[in-house]
Amino acid sequence: MGDKTTVSTLVEGGSASAGPPLGPELGPLPADVGEVVQAINDKTKDFDGMEVPVDVEVDEETGDFTVEVGKPPAAALIKDVVGFETGSGEPNLNKVADMSFSQACLVARMKSTDLLGMDLRGCVKEIIGSAQAMGVTIDGKDAYEVQQEIDEGKYDDELEEEEGIQ
């Protein structure tokens, strides 16, 4: 194995191309730019329309590469998925948006490798906690109430269905 070069850049999720900024950085390296772009797009498709940090490590001798995708903060994902600009300055008093339970599951899947939850249930509870801190309700309910309902098993069917979605 030879020396490795790392190319770090921001790409729009699912829309990387061989053009700038990626193409000129990868051009002098022995990796197949088309394969790298495809790998990036596959790994970032859930972040459609969002700027995502990406690191591509290329072996200068063999052209083998790995793609590591960073993830935006949970708050940024929640804002993007729900469609609002800024959280509440007083989240316990002023609510700024409402997120569906399935949207909470989507964000939890996006962030799962960065969260402490051991399964989708735990990850969803973390995302719902972040939503609470931003002044976002879940299906019209307070986030604490939804977290309690998750513990009571009221969302077991939805969680089981969501776990089947990749």
C-alpha atoms as a PDB file:
ATOM      1  CA  MET A   1       0.000   0.000   0.000  1.00  0.00           C
ATOM      2  CA  GLY A   2       1.192   3.459  -0.829  1.00  0.00           C
ATOM      3  CA  ASP A   3       0.776   6.827   0.728  1.00  0.00           C
ATOM      4  CA  LYS A   4      -2.759   8.045   1.215  1.00  0.00           C
ATOM      5  CA  THR A   5      -4.224  11.385   0.258  1.00  0.00           C
ATOM      6  CA  THR A   6      -7.389  12.697   1.843  1.00  0.00           C
ATOM      7  CA  VAL A   7      -9.696  15.033  -0.030  1.00  0.00           C
ATOM      8  CA  SER A   8     -12.146  16.875   2.237  1.00  0.00           C
ATOM      9  CA  THR A   9     -15.031  18.839   0.797  1.00  0.00           C
ATOM     10  CA  LEU A  10     -18.680  19.764   1.170  1.00  0.00           C
ATOM     11  CA  VAL A  11     -21.134  18.259  -1.302  1.00  0.00           C
ATOM     12  CA  GLU A  12     -24.866  18.543  -1.726  1.00  0.00           C
ATOM     13  CA  GLY A  13     -26.350  15.277  -0.527  1.00  0.00           C
ATOM     14  CA  GLY A  14     -26.936  12.829  -3.369  1.00  0.00           C
ATOM     15  CA  SER A  15     -25.712  15.330  -5.984  1.00  0.00           C
ATOM     16  CA  ALA A  16     -21.925  15.089  -6.061  1.00  0.00           C
ATOM     17  CA  SER A  17     -20.394  15.421  -9.516  1.00  0.00           C
ATOM     18  CA  ALA A  18     -17.006  15.088 -11.167  1.00  0.00           C
ATOM     19  CA  GLY A  19     -16.911  18.872 -11.495  1.00  0.00           C
ATOM     20  CA  PRO A  20     -15.471  21.282  -8.936  1.00  0.00           C
ATOM     21  CA  PRO A  21     -14.681  21.031  -6.117  1.00  0.00           C
ATOM     22  CA  LEU A  22     -14.329  17.239  -6.200  1.00  0.00           C
ATOM     23  CA  GLY A  23     -13.074  16.546  -9.744  1.00  0.00           C
ATOM     24  CA  PRO A  24     -10.009  18.823  -9.716  1.00  0.00           C
ATOM     25  CA  GLU A  25      -8.943  17.417  -6.325  1.00  0.00           C
ATOM     26  CA  LEU A  26      -9.346  13.777  -7.403  1.00  0.00           C
ATOM     27  CA  GLY A  27      -8.105  14.193 -10.985  1.00  0.00           C
ATOM     28  CA  PRO A  28      -4.382  13.746 -10.264  1.00  0.00           C
ATOM     29  CA  LEU A  29      -5.033  10.684  -8.088  1.00  0.00           C
ATOM     30  CA  PRO A  30      -5.335   7.126  -9.475  1.00  0.00           C
ATOM     31  CA  ALA A  31      -8.904   6.583  -8.185  1.00  0.00           C
ATOM     32  CA  ASP A  32     -11.774   6.320 -10.690  1.00  0.00           C
ATOM     33  CA  VAL A  33     -13.543   9.674 -10.222  1.00  0.00           C
ATOM     34  CA  GLY A  34     -16.861   8.252 -11.446  1.00  0.00           C
ATOM     35  CA  GLU A  35     -16.754   5.460  -8.873  1.00  0.00           C
ATOM     36  CA  VAL A  36     -15.883   7.925  -6.109  1.00  0.00           C
ATOM     37  CA  VAL A  37     -18.761  10.228  -7.099  1.00  0.00           C
ATOM     38  CA  GLN A  38     -21.182   7.267  -7.194  1.00  0.00           C
ATOM     39  CA  ALA A  39     -20.034   6.100  -3.751  1.00  0.00           C
ATOM     40  CA  ILE A  40     -20.491   9.608  -2.339  1.00  0.00           C
ATOM     41  CA  ASN A  41     -23.965   9.928  -3.859  1.00  0.00           C
ATOM     42  CA  ASP A  42     -24.993   6.523  -2.495  1.00  0.00           C
ATOM     43  CA  LYS A  43     -23.832   7.443   1.006  1.00  0.00           C
ATOM     44  CA  THR A  44     -25.365  10.944   0.987  1.00  0.00           C
ATOM     45  CA  LYS A  45     -28.742  10.286  -0.671  1.00  0.00           C
ATOM     46  CA  ASP A  46     -30.634  10.782   2.640  1.00  0.00           C
ATOM     47  CA  PHE A  47     -29.190  14.302   2.871  1.00  0.00           C
ATOM     48  CA  ASP A  48     -30.788  15.506  -0.382  1.00  0.00           C
ATOM     49  CA  GLY A  49     -30.456  19.283  -0.666  1.00  0.00           C
ATOM     50  CA  MET A  50     -28.155  19.631   2.362  1.00  0.00           C
ATOM     51  CA  GLU A  51     -24.453  20.414   2.408  1.00  0.00           C
ATOM     52  CA  VAL A  52     -22.652  17.381   3.809  1.00  0.00           C
ATOM     53  CA  PRO A  53     -18.963  17.115   4.775  1.00  0.00           C
ATOM     54  CA  VAL A  54     -17.199  14.276   2.945  1.00  0.00           C
ATOM     55  CA  ASP A  55     -13.672  12.875   3.266  1.00  0.00           C
ATOM     56  CA  VAL A  56     -12.304  10.692   0.473  1.00  0.00           C
ATOM     57  CA  GLU A  57      -9.107   8.831   1.301  1.00  0.00           C
ATOM     58  CA  VAL A  58      -7.242   7.565  -1.773  1.00  0.00           C
ATOM     59  CA  ASP A  59      -4.323   5.148  -1.832  1.00  0.00           C
ATOM     60  CA  GLU A  60      -1.861   6.875  -4.190  1.00  0.00           C
ATOM     61  CA  GLU A  61      -0.439   3.568  -5.392  1.00  0.00           C
ATOM     62  CA  THR A  62      -3.507   1.377  -5.951  1.00  0.00           C
ATOM     63  CA  GLY A  63      -6.274   3.953  -6.394  1.00  0.00           C
ATOM     64  CA  ASP A  64      -8.368   2.232  -3.721  1.00  0.00           C
ATOM     65  CA  PHE A  65     -10.518   4.693  -1.824  1.00  0.00           C
ATOM     66  CA  THR A  66     -12.806   5.038   1.160  1.00  0.00           C
ATOM     67  CA  VAL A  67     -15.561   7.592   1.610  1.00  0.00           C
ATOM     68  CA  GLU A  68     -16.449   8.940   5.042  1.00  0.00           C
ATOM     69  CA  VAL A  69     -19.552  11.092   5.300  1.00  0.00           C
ATOM     70  CA  GLY A  70     -19.933  13.514   8.165  1.00  0.00           C
ATOM     71  CA  LYS A  71     -23.362  14.364   9.405  1.00  0.00           C
ATOM     72  CA  PRO A  72     -24.917  17.728  10.077  1.00  0.00           C
ATOM     73  CA  PRO A  73     -26.025  18.413  13.664  1.00  0.00           C
ATOM     74  CA  ALA A  74     -29.393  16.967  14.698  1.00  0.00           C
ATOM     75  CA  ALA A  75     -30.838  20.484  14.939  1.00  0.00           C
ATOM     76  CA  ALA A  76     -29.923  21.203  11.304  1.00  0.00           C
ATOM     77  CA  LEU A  77     -31.488  17.938  10.163  1.00  0.00           C
ATOM     78  CA  ILE A  78     -34.669  18.627  12.122  1.00  0.00           C
ATOM     79  CA  LYS A  79     -34.941  22.124  10.643  1.00  0.00           C
ATOM     80  CA  ASP A  80     -34.406  20.785   7.132  1.00  0.00           C
ATOM     81  CA  VAL A  81     -36.810  17.848   7.419  1.00  0.00           C
ATOM     82  CA  VAL A  82     -39.579  19.864   9.080  1.00  0.00           C
ATOM     83  CA  GLY A  83     -38.958  23.031   7.073  1.00  0.00           C
ATOM     84  CA  PHE A  84     -38.374  25.934   9.432  1.00  0.00           C
ATOM     85  CA  GLU A  85     -35.557  28.442   9.792  1.00  0.00           C
ATOM     86  CA  THR A  86     -34.796  28.822  13.495  1.00  0.00           C
ATOM     87  CA  GLY A  87     -35.667  27.240  16.812  1.00  0.00           C
ATOM     88  CA  SER A  88     -37.553  28.921  19.623  1.00  0.00           C
ATOM     89  CA  GLY A  89     -35.782  31.160  22.101  1.00  0.00           C
ATOM     90  CA  GLU A  90     -38.254  29.888  24.705  1.00  0.00           C
ATOM     91  CA  PRO A  91     -38.928  26.274  23.682  1.00  0.00           C
ATOM     92  CA  ASN A  92     -41.113  25.460  26.689  1.00  0.00           C
ATOM     93  CA  LEU A  93     -43.387  28.444  25.986  1.00  0.00           C
ATOM     94  CA  ASN A  94     -43.243  29.070  22.234  1.00  0.00           C
ATOM     95  CA  LYS A  95     -43.448  26.241  19.726  1.00  0.00           C
ATOM     96  CA  VAL A  96     -42.116  26.953  16.232  1.00  0.00           C
ATOM     97  CA  ALA A  97     -43.011  23.776  14.331  1.00  0.00           C
ATOM     98  CA  ASP A  98     -44.548  20.321  14.473  1.00  0.00           C
ATOM     99  CA  MET A  99     -42.693  17.187  13.394  1.00  0.00           C
ATOM    100  CA  SER A 100     -44.323  13.849  12.612  1.00  0.00           C
ATOM    101  CA  PHE A 101     -43.145  10.709  14.355  1.00  0.00           C
ATOM    102  CA  SER A 102     -41.982   9.311  10.999  1.00  0.00           C
ATOM    103  CA  GLN A 103     -39.882  12.462  10.436  1.00  0.00           C
ATOM    104  CA  ALA A 104     -38.293  11.908  13.859  1.00  0.00           C
ATOM    105  CA  CYS A 105     -37.481   8.341  12.781  1.00  0.00           C
ATOM    106  CA  LEU A 106     -35.950   9.609   9.525  1.00  0.00           C
ATOM    107  CA  VAL A 107     -33.667  12.027  11.380  1.00  0.00           C
ATOM    108  CA  ALA A 108     -32.776   9.287  13.876  1.00  0.00           C
ATOM    109  CA  ARG A 109     -31.735   6.974  11.020  1.00  0.00           C
ATOM    110  CA  MET A 110     -29.644   9.757   9.460  1.00  0.00           C
ATOM    111  CA  LYS A 111     -27.827  10.426  12.740  1.00  0.00           C
ATOM    112  CA  SER A 112     -27.812   6.880  14.153  1.00  0.00           C
ATOM    113  CA  THR A 113     -24.033   6.436  14.067  1.00  0.00           C
ATOM    114  CA  ASP A 114     -23.552   9.665  16.041  1.00  0.00           C
ATOM    115  CA  LEU A 115     -26.206   8.999  18.688  1.00  0.00           C
ATOM    116  CA  LEU A 116     -25.970   7.118  21.951  1.00  0.00           C
ATOM    117  CA  GLY A 117     -29.152   5.082  21.464  1.00  0.00           C
ATOM    118  CA  MET A 118     -28.589   1.347  21.103  1.00  0.00           C
ATOM    119  CA  ASP A 119     -31.517   0.922  18.712  1.00  0.00           C
ATOM    120  CA  LEU A 120     -33.978   3.009  16.703  1.00  0.00           C
ATOM    121  CA  ARG A 121     -36.166   3.486  19.788  1.00  0.00           C
ATOM    122  CA  GLY A 122     -33.316   5.099  21.735  1.00  0.00           C
ATOM    123  CA  CYS A 123     -32.176   7.187  18.775  1.00  0.00           C
ATOM    124  CA  VAL A 124     -35.707   8.485  18.148  1.00  0.00           C
ATOM    125  CA  LYS A 125     -35.991   9.490  21.805  1.00  0.00           C
ATOM    126  CA  GLU A 126     -32.736  11.463  21.488  1.00  0.00           C
ATOM    127  CA  ILE A 127     -33.973  13.257  18.354  1.00  0.00           C
ATOM    128  CA  ILE A 128     -37.283  14.035  20.033  1.00  0.00           C
ATOM    129  CA  GLY A 129     -35.313  15.520  22.935  1.00  0.00           C
ATOM    130  CA  SER A 130     -33.416  17.744  20.497  1.00  0.00           C
ATOM    131  CA  ALA A 131     -36.726  18.765  18.922  1.00  0.00           C
ATOM    132  CA  GLN A 132     -38.064  19.697  22.369  1.00  0.00           C
ATOM    133  CA  ALA A 133     -35.062  21.954  22.957  1.00  0.00           C
ATOM    134  CA  MET A 134     -35.844  23.741  19.691  1.00  0.00           C
ATOM    135  CA  GLY A 135     -39.535  24.297  20.419  1.00  0.00           C
ATOM    136  CA  VAL A 136     -40.799  21.547  18.099  1.00  0.00           C
ATOM    137  CA  THR A 137     -43.767  19.340  18.969  1.00  0.00           C
ATOM    138  CA  ILE A 138     -44.223  15.759  17.762  1.00  0.00           C
ATOM    139  CA  ASP A 139     -47.574  15.083  16.093  1.00  0.00           C
ATOM    140  CA  GLY A 140     -48.964  18.047  18.033  1.00  0.00           C
ATOM    141  CA  LYS A 141     -47.778  16.687  21.390  1.00  0.00           C
ATOM    142  CA  ASP A 142     -45.074  17.816  23.768  1.00  0.00           C
ATOM    143  CA  ALA A 143     -41.849  15.881  23.198  1.00  0.00           C
ATOM    144  CA  TYR A 144     -41.724  14.674  26.810  1.00  0.00           C
ATOM    145  CA  GLU A 145     -45.189  13.172  26.403  1.00  0.00           C
ATOM    146  CA  VAL A 146     -44.136  11.336  23.233  1.00  0.00           C
ATOM    147  CA  GLN A 147     -40.987  10.014  24.916  1.00  0.00           C
ATOM    148  CA  GLN A 148     -43.152   8.670  27.745  1.00  0.00           C
ATOM    149  CA  GLU A 149     -45.514   7.067  25.224  1.00  0.00           C
ATOM    150  CA  ILE A 150     -42.521   5.404  23.528  1.00  0.00           C
ATOM    151  CA  ASP A 151     -41.504   3.933  26.898  1.00  0.00           C
ATOM    152  CA  GLU A 152     -45.081   2.709  27.408  1.00  0.00           C
ATOM    153  CA  GLY A 153     -45.004   0.910  24.042  1.00  0.00           C
ATOM    154  CA  LYS A 154     -47.555   3.097  22.238  1.00  0.00           C
ATOM    155  CA  TYR A 155     -45.211   3.521  19.246  1.00  0.00           C
ATOM    156  CA  ASP A 156     -43.983  -0.089  19.026  1.00  0.00           C
ATOM    157  CA  ASP A 157     -45.807  -0.777  15.738  1.00  0.00           C
ATOM    158  CA  GLU A 158     -44.475   2.413  14.113  1.00  0.00           C
ATOM    159  CA  LEU A 159     -40.939   1.717  15.353  1.00  0.00           C
ATOM    160  CA  GLU A 160     -41.054  -1.848  14.045  1.00  0.00           C
ATOM    161  CA  GLU A 161     -42.265  -0.595  10.672  1.00  0.00           C
ATOM    162  CA  GLU A 162     -39.591   2.146  10.575  1.00  0.00           C
ATOM    163  CA  GLU A 163     -36.826  -0.326  11.411  1.00  0.00           C
ATOM    164  CA  GLY A 164     -37.687  -2.184   8.214  1.00  0.00           C
ATOM    165  CA  ILE A 165     -37.006   0.967   6.142  1.00  0.00           C
ATOM    166  CA  GLN A 166     -33.412   1.467   5.091  1.00  0.00           C
END
